[in-house]
Amino acid sequence: MKTRTRTGTRGLALACALTLSVAGCAAGTRPVDPAPVDSAQRPLPAGTEIDPRLDAGGTTDESCDPTASLAPDSSIPSGSTMAEIQERGHLVAGVDQNTFLFGFSDPETGRLNGFDIDMVREIARALFGDPEAVRFRAISSAQRIEALRNGEVDVVVRTFSVTCERLGDINFSSVYYVAGQRVLVGSDSTVRELSDLGGKRVCAAKDSTSLRNIAAAEPRPVPVAVNDWSDCLVLLQQGQVAAVSTDDTILAGLRAQDRTGTKIVGDRFTDEYYGIGIPKDNEDMVRFVNSVLADVRGGAWQDSYDRWLREDLGPASPPEPEYR
């Protein structure tokens, strides 16, 4: 009985002491106001540049007919570029792995797929009788020309627009696809075309003709340059750019990844002629690739287009080649 009384007394005393301590602290100090917190700016993807300085050139050079390539030749003579590739045992192709529908990595299998990837496999089939005899090298838009000039790849098949400026550095196959630049915006945007975006941020990949077209538009938008087109979609979804503008083929792939949150607006305001990039000195390879594309236009082109692009871009047929 006495033990309980002492314990109860001690507990009551301790409780009172704690109460007085808390009350004393409350009475003797003022609460500190929390530091003001503004809404945090989301980080930009690595390598993003806002309004970068752009070199002159691109689509403004009209000193040639960019659509005219060398006449096809399917022969593989000894000592030719093609014979050297056969001796190596595989084709080396620079491609994209981040542009849905054209060149992308399947998240379930890790296998590269898309319209451009199908074109690469047809070249490998013609060289080796095996469409899988190819080593893919993922490169950015900005790396395409240097990869060819340095001999790192045999071909670049990466939504690569043929221009007179680029023909000064490398060679191109005949045109295997014709695209056109349009605009991708959020589904609730009131933007109807590029001219509605003056003073607003518009995203495109580095070293693309699309980026130059954005910078040349009136009223002028603010170009935002990124390494990969998937970065543009992220920036649009986060509200860090007002739009993405590039070839409708690439926009179709971005929209396919977010059909409810994005839409493509406006008409085409350019013609983009896709060719396969080949090192400048390898004219025999240009002719060989053109012979492959001549065969591809007979059926494989349509099969690939219907598989990857028809749903988003409607019916289409391969462009007729032009040779010089």
C-alpha atoms as a PDB file:
ATOM      1  CA  MET A   1       0.000   0.000   0.000  1.00  0.00           C
ATOM      2  CA  LYS A   2       2.799   2.431   0.870  1.00  0.00           C
ATOM      3  CA  THR A   3       4.705   1.404  -2.237  1.00  0.00           C
ATOM      4  CA  ARG A   4       1.752   2.262  -4.427  1.00  0.00           C
ATOM      5  CA  THR A   5       1.378   5.633  -2.723  1.00  0.00           C
ATOM      6  CA  ARG A   6       5.041   6.504  -3.275  1.00  0.00           C
ATOM      7  CA  THR A   7       4.926   5.390  -6.895  1.00  0.00           C
ATOM      8  CA  GLY A   8       1.770   7.336  -7.534  1.00  0.00           C
ATOM      9  CA  THR A   9       3.257  10.426  -5.847  1.00  0.00           C
ATOM     10  CA  ARG A  10       6.425  10.224  -7.881  1.00  0.00           C
ATOM     11  CA  GLY A  11       4.467   9.781 -11.129  1.00  0.00           C
ATOM     12  CA  LEU A  12       2.282  12.774 -10.307  1.00  0.00           C
ATOM     13  CA  ALA A  13       5.336  14.896  -9.469  1.00  0.00           C
ATOM     14  CA  LEU A  14       7.042  13.915 -12.713  1.00  0.00           C
ATOM     15  CA  ALA A  15       3.937  14.729 -14.729  1.00  0.00           C
ATOM     16  CA  CYS A  16       3.646  18.120 -13.050  1.00  0.00           C
ATOM     17  CA  ALA A  17       7.312  18.855 -13.698  1.00  0.00           C
ATOM     18  CA  LEU A  18       6.946  18.019 -17.366  1.00  0.00           C
ATOM     19  CA  THR A  19       3.838  20.146 -17.633  1.00  0.00           C
ATOM     20  CA  LEU A  20       5.568  23.130 -16.032  1.00  0.00           C
ATOM     21  CA  SER A  21       8.621  22.650 -18.264  1.00  0.00           C
ATOM     22  CA  VAL A  22       6.568  22.652 -21.433  1.00  0.00           C
ATOM     23  CA  ALA A  23       4.491  25.580 -20.263  1.00  0.00           C
ATOM     24  CA  GLY A  24       7.643  27.482 -19.311  1.00  0.00           C
ATOM     25  CA  CYS A  25       9.169  26.912 -22.737  1.00  0.00           C
ATOM     26  CA  ALA A  26       5.988  27.987 -24.448  1.00  0.00           C
ATOM     27  CA  ALA A  27       5.784  31.118 -22.390  1.00  0.00           C
ATOM     28  CA  GLY A  28       9.453  32.055 -22.682  1.00  0.00           C
ATOM     29  CA  THR A  29      10.031  31.692 -26.470  1.00  0.00           C
ATOM     30  CA  ARG A  30       8.351  32.657 -29.709  1.00  0.00           C
ATOM     31  CA  PRO A  31       7.610  30.105 -32.416  1.00  0.00           C
ATOM     32  CA  VAL A  32       9.922  30.335 -35.444  1.00  0.00           C
ATOM     33  CA  ASP A  33       8.173  31.022 -38.729  1.00  0.00           C
ATOM     34  CA  PRO A  34       8.988  28.355 -41.330  1.00  0.00           C
ATOM     35  CA  ALA A  35      11.163  29.492 -44.231  1.00  0.00           C
ATOM     36  CA  PRO A  36       9.101  30.380 -47.311  1.00  0.00           C
ATOM     37  CA  VAL A  37       9.163  27.609 -49.927  1.00  0.00           C
ATOM     38  CA  ASP A  38       8.561  28.402 -53.575  1.00  0.00           C
ATOM     39  CA  SER A  39       7.499  25.663 -55.986  1.00  0.00           C
ATOM     40  CA  ALA A  40      10.696  23.836 -56.959  1.00  0.00           C
ATOM     41  CA  GLN A  41      11.774  23.885 -60.593  1.00  0.00           C
ATOM     42  CA  ARG A  42      12.040  20.375 -61.974  1.00  0.00           C
ATOM     43  CA  PRO A  43      15.548  19.523 -63.199  1.00  0.00           C
ATOM     44  CA  LEU A  44      16.169  19.614 -66.929  1.00  0.00           C
ATOM     45  CA  PRO A  45      17.376  16.479 -68.730  1.00  0.00           C
ATOM     46  CA  ALA A  46      21.154  16.248 -68.984  1.00  0.00           C
ATOM     47  CA  GLY A  47      22.570  18.290 -71.845  1.00  0.00           C
ATOM     48  CA  THR A  48      19.525  20.527 -72.300  1.00  0.00           C
ATOM     49  CA  GLU A  49      20.310  23.972 -73.748  1.00  0.00           C
ATOM     50  CA  ILE A  50      17.924  26.919 -73.687  1.00  0.00           C
ATOM     51  CA  ASP A  51      18.170  29.090 -76.822  1.00  0.00           C
ATOM     52  CA  PRO A  52      21.536  27.682 -77.942  1.00  0.00           C
ATOM     53  CA  ARG A  53      23.664  29.384 -80.544  1.00  0.00           C
ATOM     54  CA  LEU A  54      23.002  27.676 -83.865  1.00  0.00           C
ATOM     55  CA  ASP A  55      25.374  27.460 -86.804  1.00  0.00           C
ATOM     56  CA  ALA A  56      24.138  28.690 -90.138  1.00  0.00           C
ATOM     57  CA  GLY A  57      23.122  26.169 -92.775  1.00  0.00           C
ATOM     58  CA  GLY A  58      20.603  23.352 -92.621  1.00  0.00           C
ATOM     59  CA  THR A  59      17.617  23.725 -94.904  1.00  0.00           C
ATOM     60  CA  THR A  60      18.652  27.188 -96.165  1.00  0.00           C
ATOM     61  CA  ASP A  61      21.296  25.784 -98.561  1.00  0.00           C
ATOM     62  CA  GLU A  62      19.648  25.105-101.913  1.00  0.00           C
ATOM     63  CA  SER A  63      22.797  24.693-103.981  1.00  0.00           C
ATOM     64  CA  CYS A  64      21.977  21.099-104.944  1.00  0.00           C
ATOM     65  CA  ASP A  65      19.155  18.641-105.398  1.00  0.00           C
ATOM     66  CA  PRO A  66      19.360  16.746-102.105  1.00  0.00           C
ATOM     67  CA  THR A  67      16.950  14.046-103.245  1.00  0.00           C
ATOM     68  CA  ALA A  68      19.174  12.818-106.102  1.00  0.00           C
ATOM     69  CA  SER A  69      21.532   9.969-105.213  1.00  0.00           C
ATOM     70  CA  LEU A  70      23.804   7.586-107.122  1.00  0.00           C
ATOM     71  CA  ALA A  71      22.334   4.886-109.347  1.00  0.00           C
ATOM     72  CA  PRO A  72      21.949   1.489-107.649  1.00  0.00           C
ATOM     73  CA  ASP A  73      24.433  -1.358-108.074  1.00  0.00           C
ATOM     74  CA  SER A  74      24.035  -4.640-106.177  1.00  0.00           C
ATOM     75  CA  SER A  75      27.443  -6.120-107.082  1.00  0.00           C
ATOM     76  CA  ILE A  76      30.067  -6.764-104.390  1.00  0.00           C
ATOM     77  CA  PRO A  77      33.477  -6.747-106.082  1.00  0.00           C
ATOM     78  CA  SER A  78      36.665  -7.741-104.275  1.00  0.00           C
ATOM     79  CA  GLY A  79      38.155  -4.868-102.283  1.00  0.00           C
ATOM     80  CA  SER A  80      34.883  -2.966-102.124  1.00  0.00           C
ATOM     81  CA  THR A  81      33.430  -1.447 -98.971  1.00  0.00           C
ATOM     82  CA  MET A  82      30.799  -4.179 -98.934  1.00  0.00           C
ATOM     83  CA  ALA A  83      33.434  -6.946 -99.255  1.00  0.00           C
ATOM     84  CA  GLU A  84      35.299  -5.499 -96.266  1.00  0.00           C
ATOM     85  CA  ILE A  85      32.080  -5.468 -94.225  1.00  0.00           C
ATOM     86  CA  GLN A  86      31.416  -9.099 -95.202  1.00  0.00           C
ATOM     87  CA  GLU A  87      34.930 -10.060 -94.137  1.00  0.00           C
ATOM     88  CA  ARG A  88      34.304  -8.429 -90.732  1.00  0.00           C
ATOM     89  CA  GLY A  89      31.164 -10.538 -90.355  1.00  0.00           C
ATOM     90  CA  HIS A  90      28.607  -7.865 -89.446  1.00  0.00           C
ATOM     91  CA  LEU A  91      27.264  -4.467 -90.438  1.00  0.00           C
ATOM     92  CA  VAL A  92      27.757  -1.563 -87.980  1.00  0.00           C
ATOM     93  CA  ALA A  93      24.795   0.826 -87.963  1.00  0.00           C
ATOM     94  CA  GLY A  94      24.294   4.080 -86.090  1.00  0.00           C
ATOM     95  CA  VAL A  95      20.681   4.261 -84.951  1.00  0.00           C
ATOM     96  CA  ASP A  96      18.312   5.785 -82.452  1.00  0.00           C
ATOM     97  CA  GLN A  97      17.030   3.866 -79.446  1.00  0.00           C
ATOM     98  CA  ASN A  98      14.733   6.559 -78.026  1.00  0.00           C
ATOM     99  CA  THR A  99      12.328   7.410 -80.867  1.00  0.00           C
ATOM    100  CA  PHE A 100       9.232   5.271 -80.544  1.00  0.00           C
ATOM    101  CA  LEU A 101       8.076   3.696 -83.830  1.00  0.00           C
ATOM    102  CA  PHE A 102      11.316   4.509 -85.712  1.00  0.00           C
ATOM    103  CA  GLY A 103      14.162   3.332 -83.488  1.00  0.00           C
ATOM    104  CA  PHE A 104      13.480   2.225 -79.929  1.00  0.00           C
ATOM    105  CA  SER A 105      14.424  -0.426 -77.421  1.00  0.00           C
ATOM    106  CA  ASP A 106      11.590  -2.787 -76.523  1.00  0.00           C
ATOM    107  CA  PRO A 107      11.416  -2.642 -72.703  1.00  0.00           C
ATOM    108  CA  GLU A 108      10.321  -6.289 -72.477  1.00  0.00           C
ATOM    109  CA  THR A 109      12.943  -7.853 -74.729  1.00  0.00           C
ATOM    110  CA  GLY A 110      15.659  -5.200 -75.013  1.00  0.00           C
ATOM    111  CA  ARG A 111      15.506  -5.702 -78.780  1.00  0.00           C
ATOM    112  CA  LEU A 112      15.711  -2.664 -81.052  1.00  0.00           C
ATOM    113  CA  ASN A 113      12.623  -2.181 -83.189  1.00  0.00           C
ATOM    114  CA  GLY A 114      11.017   0.350 -85.495  1.00  0.00           C
ATOM    115  CA  PHE A 115      10.820   1.473 -89.118  1.00  0.00           C
ATOM    116  CA  ASP A 116      14.461   2.604 -89.344  1.00  0.00           C
ATOM    117  CA  ILE A 117      15.648  -0.571 -87.633  1.00  0.00           C
ATOM    118  CA  ASP A 118      13.807  -2.610 -90.267  1.00  0.00           C
ATOM    119  CA  MET A 119      15.720  -0.724 -92.998  1.00  0.00           C
ATOM    120  CA  VAL A 120      19.036  -1.615 -91.314  1.00  0.00           C
ATOM    121  CA  ARG A 121      18.106  -5.274 -91.132  1.00  0.00           C
ATOM    122  CA  GLU A 122      17.300  -5.301 -94.857  1.00  0.00           C
ATOM    123  CA  ILE A 123      20.821  -4.036 -95.618  1.00  0.00           C
ATOM    124  CA  ALA A 124      22.267  -6.771 -93.398  1.00  0.00           C
ATOM    125  CA  ARG A 125      20.086  -9.335 -95.160  1.00  0.00           C
ATOM    126  CA  ALA A 126      21.442  -8.216 -98.551  1.00  0.00           C
ATOM    127  CA  LEU A 127      25.047  -8.420 -97.330  1.00  0.00           C
ATOM    128  CA  PHE A 128      24.916 -11.642 -95.328  1.00  0.00           C
ATOM    129  CA  GLY A 129      21.597 -13.332 -96.015  1.00  0.00           C
ATOM    130  CA  ASP A 130      20.910 -12.712 -92.320  1.00  0.00           C
ATOM    131  CA  PRO A 131      18.980  -9.647 -91.068  1.00  0.00           C
ATOM    132  CA  GLU A 132      20.519 -10.090 -87.616  1.00  0.00           C
ATOM    133  CA  ALA A 133      24.140  -9.786 -88.828  1.00  0.00           C
ATOM    134  CA  VAL A 134      24.325  -6.228 -87.554  1.00  0.00           C
ATOM    135  CA  ARG A 135      25.726  -4.412 -84.548  1.00  0.00           C
ATOM    136  CA  PHE A 136      23.700  -1.396 -83.580  1.00  0.00           C
ATOM    137  CA  ARG A 137      25.383   1.659 -82.122  1.00  0.00           C
ATOM    138  CA  ALA A 138      23.025   4.091 -80.383  1.00  0.00           C
ATOM    139  CA  ILE A 139      23.944   7.677 -81.287  1.00  0.00           C
ATOM    140  CA  SER A 140      22.304  11.063 -80.802  1.00  0.00           C
ATOM    141  CA  SER A 141      21.237  13.395 -83.619  1.00  0.00           C
ATOM    142  CA  ALA A 142      24.324  15.517 -82.995  1.00  0.00           C
ATOM    143  CA  GLN A 143      26.639  12.498 -83.359  1.00  0.00           C
ATOM    144  CA  ARG A 144      25.414  11.277 -86.748  1.00  0.00           C
ATOM    145  CA  ILE A 145      27.848  13.058 -89.059  1.00  0.00           C
ATOM    146  CA  GLU A 146      30.911  12.610 -86.849  1.00  0.00           C
ATOM    147  CA  ALA A 147      30.208   8.892 -86.447  1.00  0.00           C
ATOM    148  CA  LEU A 148      30.347   8.564 -90.244  1.00  0.00           C
ATOM    149  CA  ARG A 149      33.341  10.840 -90.726  1.00  0.00           C
ATOM    150  CA  ASN A 150      35.325   8.979 -88.058  1.00  0.00           C
ATOM    151  CA  GLY A 151      34.504   5.569 -89.505  1.00  0.00           C
ATOM    152  CA  GLU A 152      32.729   4.430 -86.339  1.00  0.00           C
ATOM    153  CA  VAL A 153      29.747   3.118 -88.327  1.00  0.00           C
ATOM    154  CA  ASP A 154      29.077   1.869 -91.857  1.00  0.00           C
ATOM    155  CA  VAL A 155      25.685   3.551 -92.113  1.00  0.00           C
ATOM    156  CA  VAL A 156      23.469   5.863 -90.093  1.00  0.00           C
ATOM    157  CA  VAL A 157      19.739   5.162 -90.255  1.00  0.00           C
ATOM    158  CA  ARG A 158      18.210   7.630 -87.840  1.00  0.00           C
ATOM    159  CA  THR A 159      15.443   9.893 -89.230  1.00  0.00           C
ATOM    160  CA  PHE A 160      18.289  11.618 -91.090  1.00  0.00           C
ATOM    161  CA  SER A 161      17.165  14.458 -93.382  1.00  0.00           C
ATOM    162  CA  VAL A 162      19.200  14.889 -96.564  1.00  0.00           C
ATOM    163  CA  THR A 163      20.412  18.482 -97.022  1.00  0.00           C
ATOM    164  CA  CYS A 164      22.936  20.151 -99.319  1.00  0.00           C
ATOM    165  CA  GLU A 165      24.952  21.220 -96.289  1.00  0.00           C
ATOM    166  CA  ARG A 166      25.239  17.672 -94.995  1.00  0.00           C
ATOM    167  CA  LEU A 167      26.136  16.375 -98.444  1.00  0.00           C
ATOM    168  CA  GLY A 168      29.324  18.405 -98.131  1.00  0.00           C
ATOM    169  CA  ASP A 169      30.437  16.094 -95.304  1.00  0.00           C
ATOM    170  CA  ILE A 170      28.873  12.710 -96.025  1.00  0.00           C
ATOM    171  CA  ASN A 171      26.916  10.793 -98.646  1.00  0.00           C
ATOM    172  CA  PHE A 172      23.285   9.746 -98.611  1.00  0.00           C
ATOM    173  CA  SER A 173      21.263   6.976-100.145  1.00  0.00           C
ATOM    174  CA  SER A 174      18.173   7.694-102.182  1.00  0.00           C
ATOM    175  CA  VAL A 175      15.234   9.039-100.179  1.00  0.00           C
ATOM    176  CA  TYR A 176      13.357   6.224 -98.440  1.00  0.00           C
ATOM    177  CA  TYR A 177      10.830   8.335 -96.518  1.00  0.00           C
ATOM    178  CA  VAL A 178       9.341  11.842 -96.767  1.00  0.00           C
ATOM    179  CA  ALA A 179       8.274  13.462 -93.510  1.00  0.00           C
ATOM    180  CA  GLY A 180       7.204  17.003 -92.602  1.00  0.00           C
ATOM    181  CA  GLN A 181       7.640  19.207 -89.548  1.00  0.00           C
ATOM    182  CA  ARG A 182       4.598  19.852 -87.343  1.00  0.00           C
ATOM    183  CA  VAL A 183       3.919  20.724 -83.690  1.00  0.00           C
ATOM    184  CA  LEU A 184       3.100  18.592 -80.623  1.00  0.00           C
ATOM    185  CA  VAL A 185       1.403  20.281 -77.639  1.00  0.00           C
ATOM    186  CA  GLY A 186      -0.487  19.316 -74.505  1.00  0.00           C
ATOM    187  CA  SER A 187      -4.045  18.116 -75.074  1.00  0.00           C
ATOM    188  CA  ASP A 188      -5.481  21.248 -73.395  1.00  0.00           C
ATOM    189  CA  SER A 189      -3.290  23.706 -75.355  1.00  0.00           C
ATOM    190  CA  THR A 190      -4.890  26.367 -77.584  1.00  0.00           C
ATOM    191  CA  VAL A 191      -1.844  26.442 -79.890  1.00  0.00           C
ATOM    192  CA  ARG A 192      -2.722  25.669 -83.493  1.00  0.00           C
ATOM    193  CA  GLU A 193       0.601  26.136 -85.299  1.00  0.00           C
ATOM    194  CA  LEU A 194       4.208  27.239 -84.823  1.00  0.00           C
ATOM    195  CA  SER A 195       3.323  30.927 -85.316  1.00  0.00           C
ATOM    196  CA  ASP A 196       1.307  30.799 -82.082  1.00  0.00           C
ATOM    197  CA  LEU A 197       4.454  30.034 -80.076  1.00  0.00           C
ATOM    198  CA  GLY A 198       6.385  33.308 -80.317  1.00  0.00           C
ATOM    199  CA  GLY A 199       8.394  33.881 -77.129  1.00  0.00           C
ATOM    200  CA  LYS A 200       7.552  30.414 -75.793  1.00  0.00           C
ATOM    201  CA  ARG A 201       9.891  27.472 -75.354  1.00  0.00           C
ATOM    202  CA  VAL A 202       9.763  24.880 -78.136  1.00  0.00           C
ATOM    203  CA  CYS A 203      11.831  21.698 -77.945  1.00  0.00           C
ATOM    204  CA  ALA A 204      13.830  19.833 -80.606  1.00  0.00           C
ATOM    205  CA  ALA A 205      16.914  17.618 -80.761  1.00  0.00           C
ATOM    206  CA  LYS A 206      20.389  19.095 -81.079  1.00  0.00           C
ATOM    207  CA  ASP A 207      21.814  19.418 -84.590  1.00  0.00           C
ATOM    208  CA  SER A 208      18.423  18.750 -86.173  1.00  0.00           C
ATOM    209  CA  THR A 209      16.947  20.724 -89.055  1.00  0.00           C
ATOM    210  CA  SER A 210      13.874  21.067 -86.836  1.00  0.00           C
ATOM    211  CA  LEU A 211      15.792  23.147 -84.299  1.00  0.00           C
ATOM    212  CA  ARG A 212      16.928  25.578 -86.984  1.00  0.00           C
ATOM    213  CA  ASN A 213      13.388  25.851 -88.344  1.00  0.00           C
ATOM    214  CA  ILE A 214      12.134  26.752 -84.861  1.00  0.00           C
ATOM    215  CA  ALA A 215      14.792  29.431 -84.460  1.00  0.00           C
ATOM    216  CA  ALA A 216      13.942  30.896 -87.881  1.00  0.00           C
ATOM    217  CA  ALA A 217      10.178  31.080 -87.275  1.00  0.00           C
ATOM    218  CA  GLU A 218       8.348  34.395 -86.898  1.00  0.00           C
ATOM    219  CA  PRO A 219       7.378  35.413 -84.292  1.00  0.00           C
ATOM    220  CA  ARG A 220      10.419  33.657 -82.887  1.00  0.00           C
ATOM    221  CA  PRO A 221       9.954  30.927 -80.260  1.00  0.00           C
ATOM    222  CA  VAL A 222      12.716  30.100 -77.775  1.00  0.00           C
ATOM    223  CA  PRO A 223      14.478  26.948 -79.045  1.00  0.00           C
ATOM    224  CA  VAL A 224      15.246  24.287 -76.443  1.00  0.00           C
ATOM    225  CA  ALA A 225      17.852  21.745 -77.565  1.00  0.00           C
ATOM    226  CA  VAL A 226      18.052  18.235 -76.067  1.00  0.00           C
ATOM    227  CA  ASN A 227      20.014  15.071 -76.782  1.00  0.00           C
ATOM    228  CA  ASP A 228      17.048  12.782 -77.471  1.00  0.00           C
ATOM    229  CA  TRP A 229      13.456  13.277 -78.572  1.00  0.00           C
ATOM    230  CA  SER A 230      12.210  11.446 -75.493  1.00  0.00           C
ATOM    231  CA  ASP A 231      13.643  14.333 -73.442  1.00  0.00           C
ATOM    232  CA  CYS A 232      11.312  16.697 -75.319  1.00  0.00           C
ATOM    233  CA  LEU A 233       8.293  14.629 -74.294  1.00  0.00           C
ATOM    234  CA  VAL A 234       9.376  14.749 -70.644  1.00  0.00           C
ATOM    235  CA  LEU A 235       9.792  18.542 -70.790  1.00  0.00           C
ATOM    236  CA  LEU A 236       6.366  18.935 -72.389  1.00  0.00           C
ATOM    237  CA  GLN A 237       4.697  16.712 -69.800  1.00  0.00           C
ATOM    238  CA  GLN A 238       6.344  18.711 -66.995  1.00  0.00           C
ATOM    239  CA  GLY A 239       5.274  22.044 -68.474  1.00  0.00           C
ATOM    240  CA  GLN A 240       8.862  23.186 -69.025  1.00  0.00           C
ATOM    241  CA  VAL A 241       8.257  23.728 -72.750  1.00  0.00           C
ATOM    242  CA  ALA A 242       5.089  24.816 -74.526  1.00  0.00           C
ATOM    243  CA  ALA A 243       5.561  22.499 -77.503  1.00  0.00           C
ATOM    244  CA  VAL A 244       7.750  20.060 -79.391  1.00  0.00           C
ATOM    245  CA  SER A 245       8.298  20.642 -83.100  1.00  0.00           C
ATOM    246  CA  THR A 246       9.876  18.195 -85.497  1.00  0.00           C
ATOM    247  CA  ASP A 247       8.997  15.684 -88.201  1.00  0.00           C
ATOM    248  CA  ASP A 248       5.499  14.267 -87.941  1.00  0.00           C
ATOM    249  CA  THR A 249       6.969  10.761 -87.853  1.00  0.00           C
ATOM    250  CA  ILE A 250       8.839  11.496 -84.630  1.00  0.00           C
ATOM    251  CA  LEU A 251       5.855  13.363 -83.171  1.00  0.00           C
ATOM    252  CA  ALA A 252       3.663  10.334 -83.891  1.00  0.00           C
ATOM    253  CA  GLY A 253       5.982   8.222 -81.757  1.00  0.00           C
ATOM    254  CA  LEU A 254       5.889  10.743 -78.909  1.00  0.00           C
ATOM    255  CA  ARG A 255       2.106  11.000 -79.060  1.00  0.00           C
ATOM    256  CA  ALA A 256       1.773   7.208 -79.093  1.00  0.00           C
ATOM    257  CA  GLN A 257       3.445   7.227 -75.663  1.00  0.00           C
ATOM    258  CA  ASP A 258       0.950   9.769 -74.277  1.00  0.00           C
ATOM    259  CA  ARG A 259      -2.217   9.758 -76.379  1.00  0.00           C
ATOM    260  CA  THR A 260      -4.430  11.365 -73.719  1.00  0.00           C
ATOM    261  CA  GLY A 261      -2.012  14.122 -72.726  1.00  0.00           C
ATOM    262  CA  THR A 262      -0.753  15.302 -76.131  1.00  0.00           C
ATOM    263  CA  LYS A 263      -1.953  16.196 -79.614  1.00  0.00           C
ATOM    264  CA  ILE A 264      -0.366  17.047 -82.979  1.00  0.00           C
ATOM    265  CA  VAL A 265      -1.525  20.358 -84.475  1.00  0.00           C
ATOM    266  CA  GLY A 266      -1.093  22.351 -87.685  1.00  0.00           C
ATOM    267  CA  ASP A 267      -0.164  21.308 -91.202  1.00  0.00           C
ATOM    268  CA  ARG A 268       3.272  20.257 -92.388  1.00  0.00           C
ATOM    269  CA  PHE A 269       5.419  23.315 -93.008  1.00  0.00           C
ATOM    270  CA  THR A 270       8.513  21.526 -94.350  1.00  0.00           C
ATOM    271  CA  ASP A 271       9.403  18.482 -96.415  1.00  0.00           C
ATOM    272  CA  GLU A 272      12.041  16.301 -94.780  1.00  0.00           C
ATOM    273  CA  TYR A 273      13.672  13.742 -97.065  1.00  0.00           C
ATOM    274  CA  TYR A 274      15.099  10.849 -95.065  1.00  0.00           C
ATOM    275  CA  GLY A 275      18.172   9.134 -96.435  1.00  0.00           C
ATOM    276  CA  ILE A 276      20.657   6.619 -95.099  1.00  0.00           C
ATOM    277  CA  GLY A 277      23.924   8.333 -94.166  1.00  0.00           C
ATOM    278  CA  ILE A 278      27.132   6.794 -95.564  1.00  0.00           C
ATOM    279  CA  PRO A 279      30.788   7.958 -95.329  1.00  0.00           C
ATOM    280  CA  LYS A 280      31.762  10.418 -98.055  1.00  0.00           C
ATOM    281  CA  ASP A 281      34.331   8.207 -99.777  1.00  0.00           C
ATOM    282  CA  ASN A 282      32.192   5.067 -99.849  1.00  0.00           C
ATOM    283  CA  GLU A 283      30.273   5.685-103.068  1.00  0.00           C
ATOM    284  CA  ASP A 284      30.184   1.946-103.787  1.00  0.00           C
ATOM    285  CA  MET A 285      28.251   1.509-100.533  1.00  0.00           C
ATOM    286  CA  VAL A 286      25.830   4.260-101.591  1.00  0.00           C
ATOM    287  CA  ARG A 287      25.067   2.384-104.799  1.00  0.00           C
ATOM    288  CA  PHE A 288      24.712  -0.915-102.949  1.00  0.00           C
ATOM    289  CA  VAL A 289      22.329   0.541-100.350  1.00  0.00           C
ATOM    290  CA  ASN A 290      20.294   2.108-103.145  1.00  0.00           C
ATOM    291  CA  SER A 291      19.914  -1.337-104.707  1.00  0.00           C
ATOM    292  CA  VAL A 292      18.665  -2.629-101.349  1.00  0.00           C
ATOM    293  CA  LEU A 293      16.166   0.212-101.078  1.00  0.00           C
ATOM    294  CA  ALA A 294      14.960  -0.496-104.622  1.00  0.00           C
ATOM    295  CA  ASP A 295      14.084  -4.020-103.471  1.00  0.00           C
ATOM    296  CA  VAL A 296      12.620  -2.787-100.166  1.00  0.00           C
ATOM    297  CA  ARG A 297      10.183  -0.514-102.030  1.00  0.00           C
ATOM    298  CA  GLY A 298       8.771  -3.645-103.600  1.00  0.00           C
ATOM    299  CA  GLY A 299       7.219  -4.927-100.367  1.00  0.00           C
ATOM    300  CA  ALA A 300       9.262  -4.777 -97.155  1.00  0.00           C
ATOM    301  CA  TRP A 301       8.824  -0.985 -96.959  1.00  0.00           C
ATOM    302  CA  GLN A 302       5.041  -1.280 -96.950  1.00  0.00           C
ATOM    303  CA  ASP A 303       5.060  -4.108 -94.424  1.00  0.00           C
ATOM    304  CA  SER A 304       7.199  -2.071 -92.047  1.00  0.00           C
ATOM    305  CA  TYR A 305       5.173   1.110 -92.518  1.00  0.00           C
ATOM    306  CA  ASP A 306       1.885  -0.690 -91.887  1.00  0.00           C
ATOM    307  CA  ARG A 307       3.284  -2.268 -88.735  1.00  0.00           C
ATOM    308  CA  TRP A 308       4.746   0.837 -87.145  1.00  0.00           C
ATOM    309  CA  LEU A 309       3.267   4.009 -88.629  1.00  0.00           C
ATOM    310  CA  ARG A 310      -0.041   3.515 -90.417  1.00  0.00           C
ATOM    311  CA  GLU A 311      -2.173   3.768 -87.252  1.00  0.00           C
ATOM    312  CA  ASP A 312      -0.832   7.227 -86.368  1.00  0.00           C
ATOM    313  CA  LEU A 313      -0.021   8.669 -89.802  1.00  0.00           C
ATOM    314  CA  GLY A 314      -2.540   7.047 -92.107  1.00  0.00           C
ATOM    315  CA  PRO A 315      -1.845   5.241 -95.396  1.00  0.00           C
ATOM    316  CA  ALA A 316       1.351   5.957 -97.334  1.00  0.00           C
ATOM    317  CA  SER A 317       3.577   4.437-100.011  1.00  0.00           C
ATOM    318  CA  PRO A 318       7.349   4.593-100.558  1.00  0.00           C
ATOM    319  CA  PRO A 319       8.738   7.644-102.385  1.00  0.00           C
ATOM    320  CA  GLU A 320      10.074   7.156-105.892  1.00  0.00           C
ATOM    321  CA  PRO A 321      13.878   7.354-105.991  1.00  0.00           C
ATOM    322  CA  GLU A 322      15.769   9.988-107.925  1.00  0.00           C
ATOM    323  CA  TYR A 323      19.279   9.387-109.265  1.00  0.00           C
ATOM    324  CA  ARG A 324      21.901  11.720-110.667  1.00  0.00           C
END
